[in-house]
Amino acid sequence: MTSDRRNVWITRREKEADDWSLALTAAGIPHHIEETSEGFEVQVAPGDRARLDRELEAFVRETSSAIEEGQAPIEPRRSLAGIVLAGLLIGFYVWTGPRSAAGPLGWFGAGSASAERILGGEAWRTVTALTLHADAAHVVANAASAAVFVTELARIVGPGVAAWVLLLTGAGGNALTAAVRGAPHGSVGASTALFGAIGCLAAMQAARWRRRPRPRYRPWVPVAAGAALLAMLGSGRDADVAAHLFGFAVGLVLGMFTARIAAGPPAPPIQRALALAAAAVVVACWGLALARGHGWPLG
């Protein structure tokens, strides 16, 4: 990382150049990044050179301080978790069929998040309902959201931790919805867990910004952005707004704790064990649902 007399800062790391660009954009300094034989040059007009130096010198000091205090930016890892989950949701929908084609003793009768049944002791429905979808449009929308938001969450905390975030936020959101709405409310769909993932991501970002010695943005900004996504994606005509809201809220709470391990998530073997354990919980919940229904639903 160097600076020279031509009103530029130079780095050989593209990621560092991108970080500088974000800092300058936030400070309102017009600039341009150009890749040259020397590296990536961040260029400004001659009159902005002093502002460029002040802003990037402060940014470098802040970043160095964060690294020394164990608050270095988290480097995302590769993950296909969201794509895998999207495929599983679609595959299970193909097996169960839509809600309109299911009889009272079918999949939806056994596994939907019926508030009356949940409050009556059938807690497993808070989990099984996450795997059911009313129609093709419902499952496609949730699969697309999973591909985006679950992939991002898994890149930060690992697929095993992400699986438990989804499980806990989904089940927690459904349980709270049942308690607040009561009978005859019922719902299905993975969106409660997906909004939990959004809430978790927002809370983790807010926690990272709050811990920085000189935060560039207010910590509430990520939470506000998550709430905006909730309002935009989770309040349609047929949406279960209460479940989405409670899933998001549980995600915010979990995100405060998850942020503590985001910089050093468990190793791959532990991640795999966590993912398998989460899958086992879903299977066990369906086992309880089917045993209570005295048979295997045919869809």
C-alpha atoms as a PDB file:
ATOM      1  CA  MET A   1       0.000   0.000   0.000  1.00  0.00           C
ATOM      2  CA  THR A   2       1.556   3.280  -1.113  1.00  0.00           C
ATOM      3  CA  SER A   3       0.592   6.812  -2.121  1.00  0.00           C
ATOM      4  CA  ASP A   4       2.369   9.037  -4.633  1.00  0.00           C
ATOM      5  CA  ARG A   5       2.337  12.573  -5.982  1.00  0.00           C
ATOM      6  CA  ARG A   6      -0.143  11.816  -8.790  1.00  0.00           C
ATOM      7  CA  ASN A   7      -3.162  12.094  -6.495  1.00  0.00           C
ATOM      8  CA  VAL A   8      -3.515   8.339  -6.159  1.00  0.00           C
ATOM      9  CA  TRP A   9      -3.203   5.585  -3.595  1.00  0.00           C
ATOM     10  CA  ILE A  10      -1.971   2.248  -4.895  1.00  0.00           C
ATOM     11  CA  THR A  11      -2.487  -1.303  -3.646  1.00  0.00           C
ATOM     12  CA  ARG A  12      -1.876  -4.679  -5.227  1.00  0.00           C
ATOM     13  CA  ARG A  13      -4.939  -6.126  -3.485  1.00  0.00           C
ATOM     14  CA  GLU A  14      -8.236  -5.612  -5.298  1.00  0.00           C
ATOM     15  CA  LYS A  15     -10.178  -6.188  -2.059  1.00  0.00           C
ATOM     16  CA  GLU A  16      -8.267  -3.387  -0.354  1.00  0.00           C
ATOM     17  CA  ALA A  17      -8.954  -1.054  -3.280  1.00  0.00           C
ATOM     18  CA  ASP A  18     -12.660  -1.877  -3.006  1.00  0.00           C
ATOM     19  CA  ASP A  19     -12.588  -1.107   0.714  1.00  0.00           C
ATOM     20  CA  TRP A  20     -10.925   2.236   0.034  1.00  0.00           C
ATOM     21  CA  SER A  21     -13.543   2.986  -2.578  1.00  0.00           C
ATOM     22  CA  LEU A  22     -16.352   2.315  -0.116  1.00  0.00           C
ATOM     23  CA  ALA A  23     -14.709   4.601   2.443  1.00  0.00           C
ATOM     24  CA  LEU A  24     -14.303   7.409  -0.087  1.00  0.00           C
ATOM     25  CA  THR A  25     -17.873   7.018  -1.322  1.00  0.00           C
ATOM     26  CA  ALA A  26     -19.144   7.271   2.261  1.00  0.00           C
ATOM     27  CA  ALA A  27     -17.054  10.433   2.701  1.00  0.00           C
ATOM     28  CA  GLY A  28     -18.424  11.942  -0.531  1.00  0.00           C
ATOM     29  CA  ILE A  29     -15.058  12.106  -2.305  1.00  0.00           C
ATOM     30  CA  PRO A  30     -15.289  11.579  -6.101  1.00  0.00           C
ATOM     31  CA  HIS A  31     -12.731   9.023  -7.216  1.00  0.00           C
ATOM     32  CA  HIS A  32     -11.847   6.420  -9.823  1.00  0.00           C
ATOM     33  CA  ILE A  33     -10.141   3.013  -9.552  1.00  0.00           C
ATOM     34  CA  GLU A  34      -7.846   1.980 -12.378  1.00  0.00           C
ATOM     35  CA  GLU A  35      -5.856  -1.244 -12.669  1.00  0.00           C
ATOM     36  CA  THR A  36      -2.287  -0.602 -13.823  1.00  0.00           C
ATOM     37  CA  SER A  37       0.986  -2.484 -13.927  1.00  0.00           C
ATOM     38  CA  GLU A  38       1.708  -1.181 -10.417  1.00  0.00           C
ATOM     39  CA  GLY A  39      -1.583  -2.363  -8.951  1.00  0.00           C
ATOM     40  CA  PHE A  40      -4.987  -0.806  -8.315  1.00  0.00           C
ATOM     41  CA  GLU A  41      -4.847   3.001  -8.305  1.00  0.00           C
ATOM     42  CA  VAL A  42      -7.454   5.043  -6.450  1.00  0.00           C
ATOM     43  CA  GLN A  43      -7.420   8.385  -8.246  1.00  0.00           C
ATOM     44  CA  VAL A  44      -8.968  11.718  -7.287  1.00  0.00           C
ATOM     45  CA  ALA A  45      -8.932  15.252  -8.623  1.00  0.00           C
ATOM     46  CA  PRO A  46      -5.900  17.369  -7.553  1.00  0.00           C
ATOM     47  CA  GLY A  47      -8.045  19.470  -5.240  1.00  0.00           C
ATOM     48  CA  ASP A  48      -9.219  16.374  -3.353  1.00  0.00           C
ATOM     49  CA  ARG A  49      -5.761  14.986  -2.596  1.00  0.00           C
ATOM     50  CA  ALA A  50      -5.647  16.293   0.970  1.00  0.00           C
ATOM     51  CA  ARG A  51      -9.097  14.869   1.693  1.00  0.00           C
ATOM     52  CA  LEU A  52      -8.057  11.564   0.112  1.00  0.00           C
ATOM     53  CA  ASP A  53      -5.009  11.308   2.373  1.00  0.00           C
ATOM     54  CA  ARG A  54      -6.957  12.167   5.524  1.00  0.00           C
ATOM     55  CA  GLU A  55      -9.768   9.746   4.793  1.00  0.00           C
ATOM     56  CA  LEU A  56      -7.638   6.751   3.814  1.00  0.00           C
ATOM     57  CA  GLU A  57      -5.077   7.330   6.567  1.00  0.00           C
ATOM     58  CA  ALA A  58      -7.944   7.308   9.082  1.00  0.00           C
ATOM     59  CA  PHE A  59      -9.413   4.211   7.421  1.00  0.00           C
ATOM     60  CA  VAL A  60      -6.079   2.376   7.605  1.00  0.00           C
ATOM     61  CA  ARG A  61      -5.652   3.296  11.282  1.00  0.00           C
ATOM     62  CA  GLU A  62      -9.175   2.081  12.059  1.00  0.00           C
ATOM     63  CA  THR A  63      -8.639  -1.184  10.208  1.00  0.00           C
ATOM     64  CA  SER A  64      -5.274  -1.787  11.898  1.00  0.00           C
ATOM     65  CA  SER A  65      -6.822  -1.121  15.305  1.00  0.00           C
ATOM     66  CA  ALA A  66      -9.649  -3.530  14.561  1.00  0.00           C
ATOM     67  CA  ILE A  67      -7.194  -6.266  13.551  1.00  0.00           C
ATOM     68  CA  GLU A  68      -5.180  -5.777  16.743  1.00  0.00           C
ATOM     69  CA  GLU A  69      -8.361  -6.064  18.824  1.00  0.00           C
ATOM     70  CA  GLY A  70      -9.536  -9.197  17.016  1.00  0.00           C
ATOM     71  CA  GLN A  71     -12.221  -7.333  15.072  1.00  0.00           C
ATOM     72  CA  ALA A  72     -10.848  -7.766  11.577  1.00  0.00           C
ATOM     73  CA  PRO A  73     -13.386  -7.866   8.758  1.00  0.00           C
ATOM     74  CA  ILE A  74     -14.750 -11.348   8.245  1.00  0.00           C
ATOM     75  CA  GLU A  75     -13.579 -12.998   5.036  1.00  0.00           C
ATOM     76  CA  PRO A  76     -16.538 -14.800   3.458  1.00  0.00           C
ATOM     77  CA  ARG A  77     -16.050 -18.487   2.681  1.00  0.00           C
ATOM     78  CA  ARG A  78     -17.420 -20.421  -0.232  1.00  0.00           C
ATOM     79  CA  SER A  79     -20.742 -22.094   0.411  1.00  0.00           C
ATOM     80  CA  LEU A  80     -23.518 -23.783  -1.519  1.00  0.00           C
ATOM     81  CA  ALA A  81     -25.745 -24.111   1.542  1.00  0.00           C
ATOM     82  CA  GLY A  82     -28.452 -21.839   0.191  1.00  0.00           C
ATOM     83  CA  ILE A  83     -28.543 -23.639  -3.158  1.00  0.00           C
ATOM     84  CA  VAL A  84     -28.747 -27.003  -1.411  1.00  0.00           C
ATOM     85  CA  LEU A  85     -31.582 -25.791   0.815  1.00  0.00           C
ATOM     86  CA  ALA A  86     -33.432 -24.371  -2.193  1.00  0.00           C
ATOM     87  CA  GLY A  87     -33.185 -27.760  -3.907  1.00  0.00           C
ATOM     88  CA  LEU A  88     -34.442 -29.563  -0.806  1.00  0.00           C
ATOM     89  CA  LEU A  89     -37.428 -27.244  -0.462  1.00  0.00           C
ATOM     90  CA  ILE A  90     -38.408 -27.736  -4.090  1.00  0.00           C
ATOM     91  CA  GLY A  91     -37.831 -31.493  -3.899  1.00  0.00           C
ATOM     92  CA  PHE A  92     -40.004 -31.859  -0.807  1.00  0.00           C
ATOM     93  CA  TYR A  93     -42.726 -29.775  -2.443  1.00  0.00           C
ATOM     94  CA  VAL A  94     -42.706 -32.107  -5.440  1.00  0.00           C
ATOM     95  CA  TRP A  95     -43.208 -35.002  -3.018  1.00  0.00           C
ATOM     96  CA  THR A  96     -45.961 -33.432  -0.900  1.00  0.00           C
ATOM     97  CA  GLY A  97     -47.799 -31.479  -3.585  1.00  0.00           C
ATOM     98  CA  PRO A  98     -49.671 -28.213  -2.983  1.00  0.00           C
ATOM     99  CA  ARG A  99     -51.949 -27.575  -0.037  1.00  0.00           C
ATOM    100  CA  SER A 100     -55.021 -27.529  -2.284  1.00  0.00           C
ATOM    101  CA  ALA A 101     -54.457 -31.184  -3.228  1.00  0.00           C
ATOM    102  CA  ALA A 102     -53.919 -32.447   0.325  1.00  0.00           C
ATOM    103  CA  GLY A 103     -56.617 -34.102   2.361  1.00  0.00           C
ATOM    104  CA  PRO A 104     -57.083 -33.477   6.100  1.00  0.00           C
ATOM    105  CA  LEU A 105     -54.846 -36.442   6.959  1.00  0.00           C
ATOM    106  CA  GLY A 106     -52.139 -35.609   4.425  1.00  0.00           C
ATOM    107  CA  TRP A 107     -48.862 -33.798   4.840  1.00  0.00           C
ATOM    108  CA  PHE A 108     -50.468 -30.455   5.616  1.00  0.00           C
ATOM    109  CA  GLY A 109     -52.873 -31.922   8.139  1.00  0.00           C
ATOM    110  CA  ALA A 110     -49.966 -33.599   9.935  1.00  0.00           C
ATOM    111  CA  GLY A 111     -47.356 -30.857   9.735  1.00  0.00           C
ATOM    112  CA  SER A 112     -48.804 -27.358   9.330  1.00  0.00           C
ATOM    113  CA  ALA A 113     -48.246 -24.743  12.041  1.00  0.00           C
ATOM    114  CA  SER A 114     -51.731 -24.921  13.498  1.00  0.00           C
ATOM    115  CA  ALA A 115     -51.780 -22.569  16.481  1.00  0.00           C
ATOM    116  CA  GLU A 116     -54.387 -24.714  18.227  1.00  0.00           C
ATOM    117  CA  ARG A 117     -52.303 -27.876  17.813  1.00  0.00           C
ATOM    118  CA  ILE A 118     -49.025 -26.195  18.773  1.00  0.00           C
ATOM    119  CA  LEU A 119     -50.523 -24.706  21.934  1.00  0.00           C
ATOM    120  CA  GLY A 120     -52.028 -28.132  22.618  1.00  0.00           C
ATOM    121  CA  GLY A 121     -48.562 -29.691  22.850  1.00  0.00           C
ATOM    122  CA  GLU A 122     -47.641 -30.585  19.262  1.00  0.00           C
ATOM    123  CA  ALA A 123     -44.494 -28.462  19.307  1.00  0.00           C
ATOM    124  CA  TRP A 124     -42.964 -30.375  16.397  1.00  0.00           C
ATOM    125  CA  ARG A 125     -45.306 -28.509  14.054  1.00  0.00           C
ATOM    126  CA  THR A 126     -43.181 -25.380  14.506  1.00  0.00           C
ATOM    127  CA  VAL A 127     -40.488 -27.270  12.571  1.00  0.00           C
ATOM    128  CA  THR A 128     -42.449 -29.422  10.122  1.00  0.00           C
ATOM    129  CA  ALA A 129     -44.388 -26.410   8.846  1.00  0.00           C
ATOM    130  CA  LEU A 130     -41.118 -24.901   7.611  1.00  0.00           C
ATOM    131  CA  THR A 131     -40.808 -27.666   5.008  1.00  0.00           C
ATOM    132  CA  LEU A 132     -44.328 -27.320   3.538  1.00  0.00           C
ATOM    133  CA  HIS A 133     -45.442 -24.837   0.860  1.00  0.00           C
ATOM    134  CA  ALA A 134     -48.909 -23.907  -0.313  1.00  0.00           C
ATOM    135  CA  ASP A 135     -48.206 -23.827  -4.047  1.00  0.00           C
ATOM    136  CA  ALA A 136     -45.474 -23.635  -6.664  1.00  0.00           C
ATOM    137  CA  ALA A 137     -45.136 -19.846  -6.481  1.00  0.00           C
ATOM    138  CA  HIS A 138     -44.725 -20.083  -2.705  1.00  0.00           C
ATOM    139  CA  VAL A 139     -41.901 -22.613  -2.831  1.00  0.00           C
ATOM    140  CA  VAL A 140     -40.109 -20.916  -5.735  1.00  0.00           C
ATOM    141  CA  ALA A 141     -40.092 -17.576  -3.901  1.00  0.00           C
ATOM    142  CA  ASN A 142     -38.699 -19.173  -0.749  1.00  0.00           C
ATOM    143  CA  ALA A 143     -36.148 -21.206  -2.700  1.00  0.00           C
ATOM    144  CA  ALA A 144     -34.875 -18.024  -4.365  1.00  0.00           C
ATOM    145  CA  SER A 145     -34.607 -16.273  -0.987  1.00  0.00           C
ATOM    146  CA  ALA A 146     -32.758 -19.268   0.462  1.00  0.00           C
ATOM    147  CA  ALA A 147     -30.265 -19.216  -2.408  1.00  0.00           C
ATOM    148  CA  VAL A 148     -29.402 -15.597  -1.565  1.00  0.00           C
ATOM    149  CA  PHE A 149     -29.719 -15.127   2.186  1.00  0.00           C
ATOM    150  CA  VAL A 150     -28.838 -18.605   3.484  1.00  0.00           C
ATOM    151  CA  THR A 151     -25.808 -18.739   1.211  1.00  0.00           C
ATOM    152  CA  GLU A 152     -24.600 -15.413   2.631  1.00  0.00           C
ATOM    153  CA  LEU A 153     -25.207 -16.513   6.210  1.00  0.00           C
ATOM    154  CA  ALA A 154     -23.393 -19.816   5.646  1.00  0.00           C
ATOM    155  CA  ARG A 155     -20.435 -18.008   4.054  1.00  0.00           C
ATOM    156  CA  ILE A 156     -19.996 -16.069   7.286  1.00  0.00           C
ATOM    157  CA  VAL A 157     -20.788 -18.578  10.055  1.00  0.00           C
ATOM    158  CA  GLY A 158     -20.572 -21.897   8.206  1.00  0.00           C
ATOM    159  CA  PRO A 159     -23.363 -24.189   6.978  1.00  0.00           C
ATOM    160  CA  GLY A 160     -23.825 -26.048  10.264  1.00  0.00           C
ATOM    161  CA  VAL A 161     -24.288 -22.916  12.347  1.00  0.00           C
ATOM    162  CA  ALA A 162     -26.521 -21.464   9.611  1.00  0.00           C
ATOM    163  CA  ALA A 163     -28.690 -24.595   9.720  1.00  0.00           C
ATOM    164  CA  TRP A 164     -29.291 -24.115  13.438  1.00  0.00           C
ATOM    165  CA  VAL A 165     -30.005 -20.411  12.974  1.00  0.00           C
ATOM    166  CA  LEU A 166     -32.696 -21.341  10.450  1.00  0.00           C
ATOM    167  CA  LEU A 167     -34.104 -24.073  12.669  1.00  0.00           C
ATOM    168  CA  LEU A 168     -34.253 -21.937  15.800  1.00  0.00           C
ATOM    169  CA  THR A 169     -35.571 -18.796  14.143  1.00  0.00           C
ATOM    170  CA  GLY A 170     -38.154 -20.732  12.152  1.00  0.00           C
ATOM    171  CA  ALA A 171     -39.397 -22.766  15.081  1.00  0.00           C
ATOM    172  CA  GLY A 172     -39.221 -19.793  17.432  1.00  0.00           C
ATOM    173  CA  GLY A 173     -41.089 -17.557  15.013  1.00  0.00           C
ATOM    174  CA  ASN A 174     -43.835 -20.135  14.521  1.00  0.00           C
ATOM    175  CA  ALA A 175     -44.165 -20.715  18.264  1.00  0.00           C
ATOM    176  CA  LEU A 176     -44.468 -17.002  19.002  1.00  0.00           C
ATOM    177  CA  THR A 177     -46.994 -16.587  16.206  1.00  0.00           C
ATOM    178  CA  ALA A 178     -49.114 -19.394  17.625  1.00  0.00           C
ATOM    179  CA  ALA A 179     -48.963 -17.870  21.096  1.00  0.00           C
ATOM    180  CA  VAL A 180     -49.920 -14.381  19.883  1.00  0.00           C
ATOM    181  CA  ARG A 181     -52.416 -15.212  17.137  1.00  0.00           C
ATOM    182  CA  GLY A 182     -54.008 -18.293  18.700  1.00  0.00           C
ATOM    183  CA  ALA A 183     -56.610 -20.518  17.032  1.00  0.00           C
ATOM    184  CA  PRO A 184     -57.643 -20.818  14.282  1.00  0.00           C
ATOM    185  CA  HIS A 185     -54.409 -19.432  12.833  1.00  0.00           C
ATOM    186  CA  GLY A 186     -52.230 -21.789  10.797  1.00  0.00           C
ATOM    187  CA  SER A 187     -49.395 -21.404   8.331  1.00  0.00           C
ATOM    188  CA  VAL A 188     -46.757 -23.221   6.294  1.00  0.00           C
ATOM    189  CA  GLY A 189     -43.530 -22.233   4.583  1.00  0.00           C
ATOM    190  CA  ALA A 190     -39.828 -21.664   5.151  1.00  0.00           C
ATOM    191  CA  SER A 191     -40.126 -17.885   5.011  1.00  0.00           C
ATOM    192  CA  THR A 192     -40.254 -17.541   8.804  1.00  0.00           C
ATOM    193  CA  ALA A 193     -36.776 -19.094   8.996  1.00  0.00           C
ATOM    194  CA  LEU A 194     -35.541 -17.092   6.005  1.00  0.00           C
ATOM    195  CA  PHE A 195     -36.520 -13.819   7.652  1.00  0.00           C
ATOM    196  CA  GLY A 196     -34.729 -15.163  10.709  1.00  0.00           C
ATOM    197  CA  ALA A 197     -31.597 -15.445   8.565  1.00  0.00           C
ATOM    198  CA  ILE A 198     -32.044 -11.832   7.434  1.00  0.00           C
ATOM    199  CA  GLY A 199     -32.441 -10.705  11.043  1.00  0.00           C
ATOM    200  CA  CYS A 200     -29.340 -12.645  12.055  1.00  0.00           C
ATOM    201  CA  LEU A 201     -27.272 -11.097   9.262  1.00  0.00           C
ATOM    202  CA  ALA A 202     -28.463  -7.612  10.220  1.00  0.00           C
ATOM    203  CA  ALA A 203     -27.657  -8.111  13.898  1.00  0.00           C
ATOM    204  CA  MET A 204     -24.180  -9.496  13.156  1.00  0.00           C
ATOM    205  CA  GLN A 205     -23.348  -6.514  10.960  1.00  0.00           C
ATOM    206  CA  ALA A 206     -24.623  -4.104  13.601  1.00  0.00           C
ATOM    207  CA  ALA A 207     -22.550  -5.826  16.279  1.00  0.00           C
ATOM    208  CA  ARG A 208     -19.381  -5.567  14.181  1.00  0.00           C
ATOM    209  CA  TRP A 209     -19.901  -1.879  13.550  1.00  0.00           C
ATOM    210  CA  ARG A 210     -20.691  -1.189  17.200  1.00  0.00           C
ATOM    211  CA  ARG A 211     -17.411  -2.764  18.329  1.00  0.00           C
ATOM    212  CA  ARG A 212     -15.245  -0.685  16.023  1.00  0.00           C
ATOM    213  CA  PRO A 213     -13.331   2.127  17.722  1.00  0.00           C
ATOM    214  CA  ARG A 214     -14.500   4.676  15.130  1.00  0.00           C
ATOM    215  CA  PRO A 215     -17.570   3.269  13.372  1.00  0.00           C
ATOM    216  CA  ARG A 216     -18.189   4.770   9.942  1.00  0.00           C
ATOM    217  CA  TYR A 217     -21.941   4.070  10.077  1.00  0.00           C
ATOM    218  CA  ARG A 218     -24.518   3.896  12.845  1.00  0.00           C
ATOM    219  CA  PRO A 219     -24.993   0.329  14.138  1.00  0.00           C
ATOM    220  CA  TRP A 220     -28.756   0.583  13.646  1.00  0.00           C
ATOM    221  CA  VAL A 221     -28.378   0.997   9.870  1.00  0.00           C
ATOM    222  CA  PRO A 222     -28.122  -2.779   9.117  1.00  0.00           C
ATOM    223  CA  VAL A 223     -31.142  -3.460  11.309  1.00  0.00           C
ATOM    224  CA  ALA A 224     -33.099  -0.780   9.459  1.00  0.00           C
ATOM    225  CA  ALA A 225     -32.038  -2.326   6.150  1.00  0.00           C
ATOM    226  CA  GLY A 226     -33.217  -5.743   7.351  1.00  0.00           C
ATOM    227  CA  ALA A 227     -36.521  -4.259   8.463  1.00  0.00           C
ATOM    228  CA  ALA A 228     -36.905  -2.695   5.021  1.00  0.00           C
ATOM    229  CA  LEU A 229     -36.424  -6.123   3.436  1.00  0.00           C
ATOM    230  CA  LEU A 230     -39.010  -7.506   5.843  1.00  0.00           C
ATOM    231  CA  ALA A 231     -41.495  -4.834   4.789  1.00  0.00           C
ATOM    232  CA  MET A 232     -40.739  -5.310   1.095  1.00  0.00           C
ATOM    233  CA  LEU A 233     -40.633  -9.108   0.911  1.00  0.00           C
ATOM    234  CA  GLY A 234     -42.687 -10.228   3.880  1.00  0.00           C
ATOM    235  CA  SER A 235     -45.910  -8.242   3.747  1.00  0.00           C
ATOM    236  CA  GLY A 236     -47.629  -9.380   0.558  1.00  0.00           C
ATOM    237  CA  ARG A 237     -51.337 -10.050   0.200  1.00  0.00           C
ATOM    238  CA  ASP A 238     -51.173 -13.674   1.383  1.00  0.00           C
ATOM    239  CA  ALA A 239     -48.106 -13.334   3.594  1.00  0.00           C
ATOM    240  CA  ASP A 240     -48.111 -14.375   7.238  1.00  0.00           C
ATOM    241  CA  VAL A 241     -46.788 -11.045   8.471  1.00  0.00           C
ATOM    242  CA  ALA A 242     -46.758 -12.066  12.137  1.00  0.00           C
ATOM    243  CA  ALA A 243     -44.644 -15.174  11.475  1.00  0.00           C
ATOM    244  CA  HIS A 244     -42.228 -13.188   9.321  1.00  0.00           C
ATOM    245  CA  LEU A 245     -41.922 -10.479  11.968  1.00  0.00           C
ATOM    246  CA  PHE A 246     -41.331 -12.947  14.796  1.00  0.00           C
ATOM    247  CA  GLY A 247     -38.819 -14.916  12.727  1.00  0.00           C
ATOM    248  CA  PHE A 248     -36.928 -11.687  12.005  1.00  0.00           C
ATOM    249  CA  ALA A 249     -37.030 -10.718  15.694  1.00  0.00           C
ATOM    250  CA  VAL A 250     -35.685 -14.096  16.825  1.00  0.00           C
ATOM    251  CA  GLY A 251     -32.981 -13.748  14.156  1.00  0.00           C
ATOM    252  CA  LEU A 252     -31.944 -10.383  15.596  1.00  0.00           C
ATOM    253  CA  VAL A 253     -31.533 -11.923  19.038  1.00  0.00           C
ATOM    254  CA  LEU A 254     -29.587 -14.924  17.727  1.00  0.00           C
ATOM    255  CA  GLY A 255     -27.440 -12.645  15.589  1.00  0.00           C
ATOM    256  CA  MET A 256     -26.144 -10.850  18.679  1.00  0.00           C
ATOM    257  CA  PHE A 257     -24.747 -14.158  19.932  1.00  0.00           C
ATOM    258  CA  THR A 258     -23.727 -15.497  16.516  1.00  0.00           C
ATOM    259  CA  ALA A 259     -21.621 -12.384  15.893  1.00  0.00           C
ATOM    260  CA  ARG A 260     -19.280 -13.555  18.638  1.00  0.00           C
ATOM    261  CA  ILE A 261     -18.304 -16.677  16.664  1.00  0.00           C
ATOM    262  CA  ALA A 262     -18.543 -15.241  13.137  1.00  0.00           C
ATOM    263  CA  ALA A 263     -14.853 -14.310  13.022  1.00  0.00           C
ATOM    264  CA  GLY A 264     -13.879 -17.862  13.971  1.00  0.00           C
ATOM    265  CA  PRO A 265     -16.684 -20.323  13.192  1.00  0.00           C
ATOM    266  CA  PRO A 266     -16.327 -24.038  14.003  1.00  0.00           C
ATOM    267  CA  ALA A 267     -14.123 -26.211  11.802  1.00  0.00           C
ATOM    268  CA  PRO A 268     -15.629 -28.130   8.841  1.00  0.00           C
ATOM    269  CA  PRO A 269     -16.070 -31.432  10.745  1.00  0.00           C
ATOM    270  CA  ILE A 270     -18.069 -29.647  13.432  1.00  0.00           C
ATOM    271  CA  GLN A 271     -20.034 -27.768  10.788  1.00  0.00           C
ATOM    272  CA  ARG A 272     -20.986 -31.067   9.157  1.00  0.00           C
ATOM    273  CA  ALA A 273     -21.999 -32.528  12.504  1.00  0.00           C
ATOM    274  CA  LEU A 274     -24.154 -29.470  13.264  1.00  0.00           C
ATOM    275  CA  ALA A 275     -25.815 -29.648   9.844  1.00  0.00           C
ATOM    276  CA  LEU A 276     -26.564 -33.356  10.264  1.00  0.00           C
ATOM    277  CA  ALA A 277     -27.936 -32.736  13.750  1.00  0.00           C
ATOM    278  CA  ALA A 278     -30.250 -30.015  12.421  1.00  0.00           C
ATOM    279  CA  ALA A 279     -31.442 -32.346   9.651  1.00  0.00           C
ATOM    280  CA  ALA A 280     -32.014 -35.071  12.250  1.00  0.00           C
ATOM    281  CA  VAL A 281     -34.233 -32.720  14.255  1.00  0.00           C
ATOM    282  CA  VAL A 282     -36.378 -32.051  11.163  1.00  0.00           C
ATOM    283  CA  VAL A 283     -36.655 -35.790  10.461  1.00  0.00           C
ATOM    284  CA  ALA A 284     -37.501 -36.500  14.096  1.00  0.00           C
ATOM    285  CA  CYS A 285     -40.201 -33.831  14.094  1.00  0.00           C
ATOM    286  CA  TRP A 286     -41.754 -35.373  10.997  1.00  0.00           C
ATOM    287  CA  GLY A 287     -41.528 -38.772  12.670  1.00  0.00           C
ATOM    288  CA  LEU A 288     -43.554 -37.449  15.596  1.00  0.00           C
ATOM    289  CA  ALA A 289     -46.042 -35.829  13.224  1.00  0.00           C
ATOM    290  CA  LEU A 290     -46.536 -39.027  11.245  1.00  0.00           C
ATOM    291  CA  ALA A 291     -46.765 -41.193  14.363  1.00  0.00           C
ATOM    292  CA  ARG A 292     -49.474 -38.882  15.714  1.00  0.00           C
ATOM    293  CA  GLY A 293     -51.258 -39.112  12.359  1.00  0.00           C
ATOM    294  CA  HIS A 294     -51.102 -42.939  12.450  1.00  0.00           C
ATOM    295  CA  GLY A 295     -49.723 -43.334   8.969  1.00  0.00           C
ATOM    296  CA  TRP A 296     -47.627 -41.978   6.129  1.00  0.00           C
ATOM    297  CA  PRO A 297     -49.335 -39.141   4.248  1.00  0.00           C
ATOM    298  CA  LEU A 298     -49.468 -39.668   0.503  1.00  0.00           C
ATOM    299  CA  GLY A 299     -49.811 -35.984  -0.372  1.00  0.00           C
END
